[in-house]
Amino acid sequence: MGQKIGCFATTEPDASSELSSRSVSTKAEKRGNKYIVNGRKRFITNAVVADLVCALVKIDGKLSMLVVDLDSSGCKIGEPDKKWEIEANSLPIFILIMWKSLWKT
């Protein structure tokens, strides 16, 4: 068996750190045995090296966590946020962009 690296994504560009169903806009819709996820997350430590992300999404209006394979179609890791110019920072913060992506359940 191989090993996988994960990351955790809750914060959104427009929601900051407020984790309520009113503020979270990333949605997942189940179609058959897959989910279609639309939304964006940011401030994700380990995103550049991760294989999987545990993302906070809305499913049928309720908050849920969904494990997503970062190699899935439509999943993209964006450029790091330019918050600090610290050369020793080995875990830059990235934006995860998800749209029309399919993940199996």
Protein backbone atom coordinates (compact mmCIF):
# COMPACT_ATOMS: atom_id res chain seq x y z
CA MET A 1 0.00 0.00 0.00
CA GLY A 2 1.14 3.51 -0.79
CA GLN A 3 0.93 6.62 1.30
CA LYS A 4 -1.03 9.81 0.63
CA ILE A 5 -0.56 13.35 1.92
CA GLY A 6 -3.63 15.34 2.83
CA CYS A 7 -4.62 18.94 3.48
CA PHE A 8 -7.63 20.66 5.02
CA ALA A 9 -9.63 23.39 3.23
CA THR A 10 -12.33 25.44 4.92
CA THR A 11 -11.56 29.13 4.26
CA GLU A 12 -12.97 30.80 1.16
CA PRO A 13 -11.91 34.06 -0.51
CA ASP A 14 -15.18 35.84 0.37
CA ALA A 15 -16.02 34.07 3.64
CA SER A 16 -12.76 34.50 5.55
CA SER A 17 -12.81 32.24 8.59
CA GLU A 18 -16.58 32.33 9.16
CA LEU A 19 -17.67 28.72 8.82
CA SER A 20 -21.43 28.98 8.60
CA SER A 21 -23.84 27.70 5.96
CA ARG A 22 -24.62 31.35 5.11
CA SER A 23 -21.00 32.21 4.31
CA VAL A 24 -19.65 29.03 2.69
CA SER A 25 -20.37 29.11 -1.04
CA THR A 26 -18.57 25.94 -2.22
CA LYS A 27 -21.28 23.46 -3.15
CA ALA A 28 -21.31 19.75 -3.90
CA GLU A 29 -24.12 18.07 -5.78
CA LYS A 30 -24.46 14.30 -5.87
CA ARG A 31 -25.03 12.78 -9.30
CA GLY A 32 -25.13 9.01 -9.27
CA ASN A 33 -22.08 7.80 -7.33
CA LYS A 34 -20.14 11.07 -7.82
CA TYR A 35 -20.18 14.63 -6.54
CA ILE A 36 -19.85 17.72 -8.70
CA VAL A 37 -18.10 20.40 -6.63
CA ASN A 38 -18.12 24.10 -7.48
CA GLY A 39 -16.21 26.64 -5.42
CA ARG A 40 -12.90 28.03 -4.20
CA LYS A 41 -10.83 27.61 -1.05
CA ARG A 42 -7.75 29.48 0.13
CA PHE A 43 -5.08 29.47 2.85
CA ILE A 44 -4.44 25.73 2.44
CA THR A 45 -1.16 24.66 3.98
CA ASN A 46 0.32 21.57 2.27
CA ALA A 47 -1.77 22.03 -0.90
CA VAL A 48 1.33 22.00 -3.10
CA VAL A 49 2.39 18.54 -1.88
CA ALA A 50 -1.01 17.02 -1.01
CA ASP A 51 -2.74 14.18 -2.83
CA LEU A 52 -6.10 14.67 -1.10
CA VAL A 53 -8.00 17.56 0.42
CA CYS A 54 -10.71 17.44 3.05
CA ALA A 55 -12.91 20.34 1.89
CA LEU A 56 -15.81 22.07 3.61
CA VAL A 57 -18.76 22.15 1.18
CA LYS A 58 -22.50 22.61 1.22
CA ILE A 59 -24.57 19.58 0.25
CA ASP A 60 -28.32 20.23 0.09
CA GLY A 61 -27.80 23.43 2.11
CA LYS A 62 -25.96 21.68 4.97
CA LEU A 63 -22.24 21.90 5.72
CA SER A 64 -20.30 18.70 5.08
CA MET A 65 -16.69 17.63 4.67
CA LEU A 66 -15.78 15.93 1.40
CA VAL A 67 -12.48 14.18 0.70
CA VAL A 68 -11.30 15.12 -2.78
CA ASP A 69 -8.50 13.61 -4.87
CA LEU A 70 -6.46 16.60 -6.08
CA ASP A 71 -5.75 14.79 -9.37
CA SER A 72 -9.47 14.94 -10.20
CA SER A 73 -10.57 16.63 -13.40
CA GLY A 74 -11.17 20.37 -12.93
CA CYS A 75 -9.24 20.63 -9.67
CA LYS A 76 -6.46 23.24 -9.73
CA ILE A 77 -3.95 24.53 -7.19
CA GLY A 78 -3.45 28.26 -7.75
CA GLU A 79 -0.52 30.52 -7.07
CA PRO A 80 0.53 31.10 -3.45
CA ASP A 81 -0.82 34.13 -1.62
CA LYS A 82 1.90 36.76 -1.23
CA LYS A 83 1.42 37.41 2.49
CA TRP A 84 4.96 37.21 3.83
CA GLU A 85 8.32 37.27 2.12
CA ILE A 86 9.91 34.69 4.40
CA GLU A 87 12.40 32.45 2.61
CA ALA A 88 12.26 29.82 5.36
CA ASN A 89 8.55 29.25 4.77
CA SER A 90 8.54 25.77 3.21
CA LEU A 91 4.74 25.41 3.21
CA PRO A 92 3.34 28.21 1.05
CA ILE A 93 -0.37 28.96 1.17
CA PHE A 94 -2.26 28.13 -2.00
CA ILE A 95 -5.71 28.61 -3.43
CA LEU A 96 -7.64 25.51 -4.46
CA ILE A 97 -10.07 26.13 -7.29
CA MET A 98 -12.76 23.52 -7.84
CA TRP A 99 -15.36 23.68 -10.56
CA LYS A 100 -17.41 21.13 -12.46
CA SER A 101 -15.19 18.45 -10.98
CA LEU A 102 -16.29 14.91 -10.40
CA TRP A 103 -15.43 12.91 -7.31
CA LYS A 104 -16.68 9.39 -6.66
CA THR A 105 -18.41 8.54 -3.42
